[in-house]
Amino acid sequence: MQVTRYIIFILIFVFSVFLVKSQDFSGGVMAGVAGSQVAGDIIYTGADTLGLYGFHKAGIFAGGFVSLQISEHSAFQMELEFFQKGSRENPDSSNNYNQYLFRVNYIELPVFYQYIVNKRFKIEAGPSLGFLVGYYEEKDYYEIKGGNRPASVTFQLNAGLYVYISSHFAVNVRTNNSMLNIRSDNATGDILRIFPGNYGQFNDCLNFSLFYHFKPAPGW
C-alpha cells in the first residue's frame, strides 16, 4: 500500500500542475453517486452458494477534471476521482435472509475522448486506472477478515453522456466497467473479460453526477 500512496500523490501533483499552470486547459469539479455491483461474486449459504446480481450498492463519486478542446467537436479530458464501488445483498425471503456487503474504495484516473455534439450534449469514452485505498467486507453483519484482498491496481473502460443545463453545469451519466479482475474468486468460473484466463470478479458501475466548469464548457 505504501507504493500505491506514492503513486496517488504523484497523480494528484501532476493533475494540480495541469489545472493551475496551463492556460489552454479548462477545469472543474464533479460529485455524484455510483450504483455498483461485482460481476462474478457469490456468497456461501450453508451447503449452497448464492450469486449476487443488480446495482444495489450505492457509493460516493467525487473529484476534479481538466479538459482541452482540440477542435470544434473534439476534446480530451483527464479526471482525478474518489470512487466507491462494491456490492450489497440485503436480507429477505428470496435469499433466505442472507446479508452481504463489500465496499471497495479507489482513487481513479480516467482519460476521455469527448465528442461535442452541440452546446447541450457531449458523449465520451476512455480508459481509467484505479488505485485501491481501502476495502471492507461483511456477511450477516460480521466483518470478514483475512479474505481475498482486492487488486491494488485496476483497469476500466468508461462511456458517458453529458446534458448541459447551462454553460457551467452539466448532468453526466456514465458506465464504468472493470476489464481485469479485481479478485480471482469465482466459484462458477463463468465471468471472463478480455484475456484468456481472466476469470474472477469485476466491478460494474453506473454513475450519476453533476459537473461544474470553472470556465464556460467547450461548445458554449
C-alpha atoms as a PDB file:
ATOM      1  CA  MET A   1       0.000   0.000   0.000  1.00  0.00           C
ATOM      2  CA  GLN A   2       2.957   2.326   0.543  1.00  0.00           C
ATOM      3  CA  VAL A   3       3.780   2.241  -3.191  1.00  0.00           C
ATOM      4  CA  THR A   4       0.132   2.934  -4.023  1.00  0.00           C
ATOM      5  CA  ARG A   5       0.159   6.028  -1.788  1.00  0.00           C
ATOM      6  CA  TYR A   6       3.219   7.386  -3.609  1.00  0.00           C
ATOM      7  CA  ILE A   7       1.557   6.809  -6.983  1.00  0.00           C
ATOM      8  CA  ILE A   8      -1.602   8.607  -5.816  1.00  0.00           C
ATOM      9  CA  PHE A   9       0.450  11.543  -4.525  1.00  0.00           C
ATOM     10  CA  ILE A  10       2.254  11.875  -7.870  1.00  0.00           C
ATOM     11  CA  LEU A  11      -1.051  11.756  -9.782  1.00  0.00           C
ATOM     12  CA  ILE A  12      -2.553  14.476  -7.579  1.00  0.00           C
ATOM     13  CA  PHE A  13       0.546  16.642  -8.041  1.00  0.00           C
ATOM     14  CA  VAL A  14       0.567  16.274 -11.846  1.00  0.00           C
ATOM     15  CA  PHE A  15      -3.176  16.916 -12.023  1.00  0.00           C
ATOM     16  CA  SER A  16      -2.818  20.085  -9.909  1.00  0.00           C
ATOM     17  CA  VAL A  17       0.006  21.430 -12.103  1.00  0.00           C
ATOM     18  CA  PHE A  18      -2.120  20.999 -15.242  1.00  0.00           C
ATOM     19  CA  LEU A  19      -5.080  22.695 -13.607  1.00  0.00           C
ATOM     20  CA  VAL A  20      -3.182  25.688 -12.250  1.00  0.00           C
ATOM     21  CA  LYS A  21      -0.460  26.316 -14.835  1.00  0.00           C
ATOM     22  CA  SER A  22      -1.920  25.622 -18.245  1.00  0.00           C
ATOM     23  CA  GLN A  23      -3.796  28.437 -19.957  1.00  0.00           C
ATOM     24  CA  ASP A  24      -5.095  26.077 -22.637  1.00  0.00           C
ATOM     25  CA  PHE A  25      -6.836  23.752 -20.214  1.00  0.00           C
ATOM     26  CA  SER A  26     -10.159  24.358 -18.518  1.00  0.00           C
ATOM     27  CA  GLY A  27     -11.176  22.574 -15.368  1.00  0.00           C
ATOM     28  CA  GLY A  28     -13.836  21.963 -12.777  1.00  0.00           C
ATOM     29  CA  VAL A  29     -15.229  19.641 -10.151  1.00  0.00           C
ATOM     30  CA  MET A  30     -17.856  16.906 -10.068  1.00  0.00           C
ATOM     31  CA  ALA A  31     -19.808  14.925  -7.496  1.00  0.00           C
ATOM     32  CA  GLY A  32     -22.488  12.290  -7.568  1.00  0.00           C
ATOM     33  CA  VAL A  33     -23.474   8.761  -6.711  1.00  0.00           C
ATOM     34  CA  ALA A  34     -22.456   5.413  -8.183  1.00  0.00           C
ATOM     35  CA  GLY A  35     -24.654   2.341  -8.300  1.00  0.00           C
ATOM     36  CA  SER A  36     -22.412  -0.718  -8.428  1.00  0.00           C
ATOM     37  CA  GLN A  37     -22.260  -4.494  -8.485  1.00  0.00           C
ATOM     38  CA  VAL A  38     -19.464  -7.069  -8.656  1.00  0.00           C
ATOM     39  CA  ALA A  39     -19.874  -9.462 -11.566  1.00  0.00           C
ATOM     40  CA  GLY A  40     -18.883 -12.984 -10.544  1.00  0.00           C
ATOM     41  CA  ASP A  41     -19.310 -12.569  -6.792  1.00  0.00           C
ATOM     42  CA  ILE A  42     -21.080 -15.157  -4.659  1.00  0.00           C
ATOM     43  CA  ILE A  43     -21.814 -15.786  -1.003  1.00  0.00           C
ATOM     44  CA  TYR A  44     -21.925 -19.139   0.707  1.00  0.00           C
ATOM     45  CA  THR A  45     -25.246 -20.037   2.362  1.00  0.00           C
ATOM     46  CA  GLY A  46     -24.537 -23.265   4.197  1.00  0.00           C
ATOM     47  CA  ALA A  47     -24.112 -26.030   1.644  1.00  0.00           C
ATOM     48  CA  ASP A  48     -25.207 -23.804  -1.250  1.00  0.00           C
ATOM     49  CA  THR A  49     -23.938 -20.675  -2.955  1.00  0.00           C
ATOM     50  CA  LEU A  50     -25.854 -17.562  -3.905  1.00  0.00           C
ATOM     51  CA  GLY A  51     -24.910 -15.439  -6.913  1.00  0.00           C
ATOM     52  CA  LEU A  52     -25.374 -11.697  -6.401  1.00  0.00           C
ATOM     53  CA  TYR A  53     -26.909  -9.528  -9.122  1.00  0.00           C
ATOM     54  CA  GLY A  54     -28.007  -5.925  -9.537  1.00  0.00           C
ATOM     55  CA  PHE A  55     -26.649  -2.438  -8.913  1.00  0.00           C
ATOM     56  CA  HIS A  56     -27.648  -2.484  -5.252  1.00  0.00           C
ATOM     57  CA  LYS A  57     -24.548  -0.877  -3.722  1.00  0.00           C
ATOM     58  CA  ALA A  58     -24.622   2.941  -3.626  1.00  0.00           C
ATOM     59  CA  GLY A  59     -21.298   4.757  -3.328  1.00  0.00           C
ATOM     60  CA  ILE A  60     -19.672   8.169  -3.401  1.00  0.00           C
ATOM     61  CA  PHE A  61     -18.220   9.584  -6.621  1.00  0.00           C
ATOM     62  CA  ALA A  62     -16.361  12.935  -6.477  1.00  0.00           C
ATOM     63  CA  GLY A  63     -13.291  14.664  -7.870  1.00  0.00           C
ATOM     64  CA  GLY A  64     -11.927  17.193 -10.322  1.00  0.00           C
ATOM     65  CA  PHE A  65     -11.154  17.367 -14.035  1.00  0.00           C
ATOM     66  CA  VAL A  66      -9.166  19.237 -16.663  1.00  0.00           C
ATOM     67  CA  SER A  67     -10.145  19.340 -20.343  1.00  0.00           C
ATOM     68  CA  LEU A  68      -8.622  20.535 -23.592  1.00  0.00           C
ATOM     69  CA  GLN A  69     -10.722  21.306 -26.670  1.00  0.00           C
ATOM     70  CA  ILE A  70      -8.739  20.436 -29.819  1.00  0.00           C
ATOM     71  CA  SER A  71     -11.384  21.188 -32.471  1.00  0.00           C
ATOM     72  CA  GLU A  72     -14.956  22.344 -32.820  1.00  0.00           C
ATOM     73  CA  HIS A  73     -16.315  18.913 -31.933  1.00  0.00           C
ATOM     74  CA  SER A  74     -13.439  17.193 -30.100  1.00  0.00           C
ATOM     75  CA  ALA A  75     -11.910  17.448 -26.631  1.00  0.00           C
ATOM     76  CA  PHE A  76      -9.805  15.396 -24.239  1.00  0.00           C
ATOM     77  CA  GLN A  77     -10.461  15.246 -20.513  1.00  0.00           C
ATOM     78  CA  MET A  78      -8.459  13.888 -17.571  1.00  0.00           C
ATOM     79  CA  GLU A  79     -10.027  13.350 -14.151  1.00  0.00           C
ATOM     80  CA  LEU A  80      -8.940  12.506 -10.630  1.00  0.00           C
ATOM     81  CA  GLU A  81     -11.721  10.847  -8.612  1.00  0.00           C
ATOM     82  CA  PHE A  82     -12.601   9.190  -5.364  1.00  0.00           C
ATOM     83  CA  PHE A  83     -14.743   6.252  -6.399  1.00  0.00           C
ATOM     84  CA  GLN A  84     -16.590   3.931  -4.011  1.00  0.00           C
ATOM     85  CA  LYS A  85     -17.662   0.609  -5.527  1.00  0.00           C
ATOM     86  CA  GLY A  86     -18.729  -2.843  -4.338  1.00  0.00           C
ATOM     87  CA  SER A  87     -21.824  -4.986  -3.908  1.00  0.00           C
ATOM     88  CA  ARG A  88     -24.639  -5.448  -1.419  1.00  0.00           C
ATOM     89  CA  GLU A  89     -27.246  -8.067  -0.627  1.00  0.00           C
ATOM     90  CA  ASN A  90     -29.974  -7.101   1.815  1.00  0.00           C
ATOM     91  CA  PRO A  91     -31.638  -9.968   3.696  1.00  0.00           C
ATOM     92  CA  ASP A  92     -35.137 -11.034   2.610  1.00  0.00           C
ATOM     93  CA  SER A  93     -37.109 -14.195   1.907  1.00  0.00           C
ATOM     94  CA  SER A  94     -35.712 -14.555  -1.651  1.00  0.00           C
ATOM     95  CA  ASN A  95     -32.155 -15.070  -0.365  1.00  0.00           C
ATOM     96  CA  ASN A  96     -33.040 -16.963   2.819  1.00  0.00           C
ATOM     97  CA  TYR A  97     -32.278 -13.793   4.804  1.00  0.00           C
ATOM     98  CA  ASN A  98     -28.567 -13.735   3.981  1.00  0.00           C
ATOM     99  CA  GLN A  99     -26.807 -10.365   4.253  1.00  0.00           C
ATOM    100  CA  TYR A 100     -23.613  -9.299   2.492  1.00  0.00           C
ATOM    101  CA  LEU A 101     -21.685  -6.045   1.994  1.00  0.00           C
ATOM    102  CA  PHE A 102     -18.495  -5.434   0.013  1.00  0.00           C
ATOM    103  CA  ARG A 103     -17.261  -1.828  -0.044  1.00  0.00           C
ATOM    104  CA  VAL A 104     -14.105  -1.042  -2.035  1.00  0.00           C
ATOM    105  CA  ASN A 105     -12.624   2.461  -2.414  1.00  0.00           C
ATOM    106  CA  TYR A 106     -10.394   3.707  -5.225  1.00  0.00           C
ATOM    107  CA  ILE A 107      -8.588   6.786  -6.411  1.00  0.00           C
ATOM    108  CA  GLU A 108      -9.258   6.613 -10.140  1.00  0.00           C
ATOM    109  CA  LEU A 109      -7.567   8.369 -13.067  1.00  0.00           C
ATOM    110  CA  PRO A 110      -9.566   8.280 -16.333  1.00  0.00           C
ATOM    111  CA  VAL A 111      -8.697   9.853 -19.686  1.00  0.00           C
ATOM    112  CA  PHE A 112     -11.565  10.549 -22.114  1.00  0.00           C
ATOM    113  CA  TYR A 113     -12.032  11.440 -25.726  1.00  0.00           C
ATOM    114  CA  GLN A 114     -15.173  13.592 -25.910  1.00  0.00           C
ATOM    115  CA  TYR A 115     -17.307  14.363 -28.949  1.00  0.00           C
ATOM    116  CA  ILE A 116     -19.156  17.684 -28.649  1.00  0.00           C
ATOM    117  CA  VAL A 117     -22.482  17.199 -30.441  1.00  0.00           C
ATOM    118  CA  ASN A 118     -23.585  20.763 -29.661  1.00  0.00           C
ATOM    119  CA  LYS A 119     -23.563  23.029 -26.643  1.00  0.00           C
ATOM    120  CA  ARG A 120     -26.186  20.886 -24.885  1.00  0.00           C
ATOM    121  CA  PHE A 121     -24.855  17.377 -25.497  1.00  0.00           C
ATOM    122  CA  LYS A 122     -21.491  15.662 -25.333  1.00  0.00           C
ATOM    123  CA  ILE A 123     -20.542  11.964 -25.429  1.00  0.00           C
ATOM    124  CA  GLU A 124     -17.338  10.410 -24.127  1.00  0.00           C
ATOM    125  CA  ALA A 125     -15.332   7.198 -23.904  1.00  0.00           C
ATOM    126  CA  GLY A 126     -11.968   6.228 -22.481  1.00  0.00           C
ATOM    127  CA  PRO A 127      -9.905   4.037 -20.142  1.00  0.00           C
ATOM    128  CA  SER A 128      -9.076   4.539 -16.482  1.00  0.00           C
ATOM    129  CA  LEU A 129      -6.705   3.220 -13.842  1.00  0.00           C
ATOM    130  CA  GLY A 130      -7.900   2.695 -10.285  1.00  0.00           C
ATOM    131  CA  PHE A 131      -5.707   2.561  -7.175  1.00  0.00           C
ATOM    132  CA  LEU A 132      -7.083   0.754  -4.125  1.00  0.00           C
ATOM    133  CA  VAL A 133      -7.172   2.887  -0.967  1.00  0.00           C
ATOM    134  CA  GLY A 134      -9.306   0.662   1.270  1.00  0.00           C
ATOM    135  CA  TYR A 135     -11.986  -2.001   1.453  1.00  0.00           C
ATOM    136  CA  TYR A 136     -14.432  -3.589   3.873  1.00  0.00           C
ATOM    137  CA  GLU A 137     -16.379  -6.841   3.645  1.00  0.00           C
ATOM    138  CA  GLU A 138     -19.036  -8.377   5.878  1.00  0.00           C
ATOM    139  CA  LYS A 139     -21.537 -11.235   5.891  1.00  0.00           C
ATOM    140  CA  ASP A 140     -24.541 -11.424   8.223  1.00  0.00           C
ATOM    141  CA  TYR A 141     -23.278  -8.196   9.819  1.00  0.00           C
ATOM    142  CA  TYR A 142     -19.918  -9.693  10.835  1.00  0.00           C
ATOM    143  CA  GLU A 143     -16.713  -8.363   9.285  1.00  0.00           C
ATOM    144  CA  ILE A 144     -14.829 -10.822   7.064  1.00  0.00           C
ATOM    145  CA  LYS A 145     -11.132 -10.658   7.937  1.00  0.00           C
ATOM    146  CA  GLY A 146      -8.249 -12.337   6.150  1.00  0.00           C
ATOM    147  CA  GLY A 147     -10.194 -12.901   2.935  1.00  0.00           C
ATOM    148  CA  ASN A 148      -9.035 -12.474  -0.647  1.00  0.00           C
ATOM    149  CA  ARG A 149      -7.730  -8.907  -0.885  1.00  0.00           C
ATOM    150  CA  PRO A 150      -8.769  -6.887  -3.980  1.00  0.00           C
ATOM    151  CA  ALA A 151      -6.092  -5.982  -6.517  1.00  0.00           C
ATOM    152  CA  SER A 152      -4.122  -2.808  -5.751  1.00  0.00           C
ATOM    153  CA  VAL A 153      -4.452  -1.516  -9.347  1.00  0.00           C
ATOM    154  CA  THR A 154      -7.447  -1.958 -11.654  1.00  0.00           C
ATOM    155  CA  PHE A 155      -8.176  -1.147 -15.305  1.00  0.00           C
ATOM    156  CA  GLN A 156     -11.580   0.058 -16.544  1.00  0.00           C
ATOM    157  CA  LEU A 157     -13.364   1.216 -19.683  1.00  0.00           C
ATOM    158  CA  ASN A 158     -15.814   4.125 -19.418  1.00  0.00           C
ATOM    159  CA  ALA A 159     -18.521   5.637 -21.603  1.00  0.00           C
ATOM    160  CA  GLY A 160     -20.847   8.502 -20.832  1.00  0.00           C
ATOM    161  CA  LEU A 161     -23.246  11.249 -21.872  1.00  0.00           C
ATOM    162  CA  TYR A 162     -23.386  14.900 -20.739  1.00  0.00           C
ATOM    163  CA  VAL A 163     -26.502  17.050 -20.808  1.00  0.00           C
ATOM    164  CA  TYR A 164     -25.659  20.728 -20.197  1.00  0.00           C
ATOM    165  CA  ILE A 165     -28.180  22.786 -18.273  1.00  0.00           C
ATOM    166  CA  SER A 166     -26.028  25.940 -18.534  1.00  0.00           C
ATOM    167  CA  SER A 167     -22.562  26.949 -19.744  1.00  0.00           C
ATOM    168  CA  HIS A 168     -21.094  25.823 -16.390  1.00  0.00           C
ATOM    169  CA  PHE A 169     -23.297  22.942 -15.197  1.00  0.00           C
ATOM    170  CA  ALA A 170     -23.877  19.513 -16.745  1.00  0.00           C
ATOM    171  CA  VAL A 171     -25.556  16.286 -15.702  1.00  0.00           C
ATOM    172  CA  ASN A 172     -23.491  13.211 -16.536  1.00  0.00           C
ATOM    173  CA  VAL A 173     -24.477   9.541 -16.860  1.00  0.00           C
ATOM    174  CA  ARG A 174     -21.573   7.120 -17.208  1.00  0.00           C
ATOM    175  CA  THR A 175     -20.758   3.415 -17.154  1.00  0.00           C
ATOM    176  CA  ASN A 176     -17.524   2.160 -15.577  1.00  0.00           C
ATOM    177  CA  ASN A 177     -16.593  -1.495 -16.055  1.00  0.00           C
ATOM    178  CA  SER A 178     -13.518  -3.454 -14.951  1.00  0.00           C
ATOM    179  CA  MET A 179     -11.638  -5.201 -17.748  1.00  0.00           C
ATOM    180  CA  LEU A 180      -9.203  -7.023 -15.432  1.00  0.00           C
ATOM    181  CA  ASN A 181     -10.468  -8.957 -12.437  1.00  0.00           C
ATOM    182  CA  ILE A 182     -10.326  -7.295  -9.035  1.00  0.00           C
ATOM    183  CA  ARG A 183     -10.217 -10.704  -7.320  1.00  0.00           C
ATOM    184  CA  SER A 184      -9.796 -14.229  -8.659  1.00  0.00           C
ATOM    185  CA  ASP A 185     -12.646 -15.623  -6.513  1.00  0.00           C
ATOM    186  CA  ASN A 186     -15.419 -17.029  -8.673  1.00  0.00           C
ATOM    187  CA  ALA A 187     -16.773 -20.472  -7.853  1.00  0.00           C
ATOM    188  CA  THR A 188     -18.737 -20.758 -11.104  1.00  0.00           C
ATOM    189  CA  GLY A 189     -15.874 -19.615 -13.360  1.00  0.00           C
ATOM    190  CA  ASP A 190     -18.325 -18.093 -15.844  1.00  0.00           C
ATOM    191  CA  ILE A 191     -17.155 -14.457 -15.936  1.00  0.00           C
ATOM    192  CA  LEU A 192     -14.401 -13.809 -18.485  1.00  0.00           C
ATOM    193  CA  ARG A 193     -13.223 -10.415 -19.799  1.00  0.00           C
ATOM    194  CA  ILE A 194     -10.643  -9.541 -22.463  1.00  0.00           C
ATOM    195  CA  PHE A 195      -7.836 -12.045 -21.911  1.00  0.00           C
ATOM    196  CA  PRO A 196      -7.993 -15.864 -21.800  1.00  0.00           C
ATOM    197  CA  GLY A 197      -7.856 -16.963 -18.179  1.00  0.00           C
ATOM    198  CA  ASN A 198      -9.065 -13.575 -16.914  1.00  0.00           C
ATOM    199  CA  TYR A 199     -11.785 -15.089 -14.728  1.00  0.00           C
ATOM    200  CA  GLY A 200     -12.907 -13.741 -11.388  1.00  0.00           C
ATOM    201  CA  GLN A 201     -14.756 -10.736 -10.018  1.00  0.00           C
ATOM    202  CA  PHE A 202     -15.226  -7.431 -11.857  1.00  0.00           C
ATOM    203  CA  ASN A 203     -16.605  -4.040 -10.812  1.00  0.00           C
ATOM    204  CA  ASP A 204     -19.549  -2.738 -12.854  1.00  0.00           C
ATOM    205  CA  CYS A 205     -20.861   0.765 -12.105  1.00  0.00           C
ATOM    206  CA  LEU A 206     -23.439   3.302 -13.250  1.00  0.00           C
ATOM    207  CA  ASN A 207     -22.612   6.902 -12.269  1.00  0.00           C
ATOM    208  CA  PHE A 208     -24.967   9.850 -11.995  1.00  0.00           C
ATOM    209  CA  SER A 209     -23.183  13.120 -11.271  1.00  0.00           C
ATOM    210  CA  LEU A 210     -23.174  16.893 -11.617  1.00  0.00           C
ATOM    211  CA  PHE A 211     -20.195  18.593 -13.297  1.00  0.00           C
ATOM    212  CA  TYR A 212     -19.262  22.233 -12.728  1.00  0.00           C
ATOM    213  CA  HIS A 213     -16.904  24.007 -15.193  1.00  0.00           C
ATOM    214  CA  PHE A 214     -14.885  26.941 -13.839  1.00  0.00           C
ATOM    215  CA  LYS A 215     -14.958  28.421 -17.367  1.00  0.00           C
ATOM    216  CA  PRO A 216     -17.779  28.066 -19.916  1.00  0.00           C
ATOM    217  CA  ALA A 217     -17.797  24.477 -21.197  1.00  0.00           C
ATOM    218  CA  PRO A 218     -16.428  23.629 -24.669  1.00  0.00           C
ATOM    219  CA  GLY A 219     -19.035  24.433 -27.300  1.00  0.00           C
ATOM    220  CA  TRP A 220     -20.522  27.434 -25.455  1.00  0.00           C
END
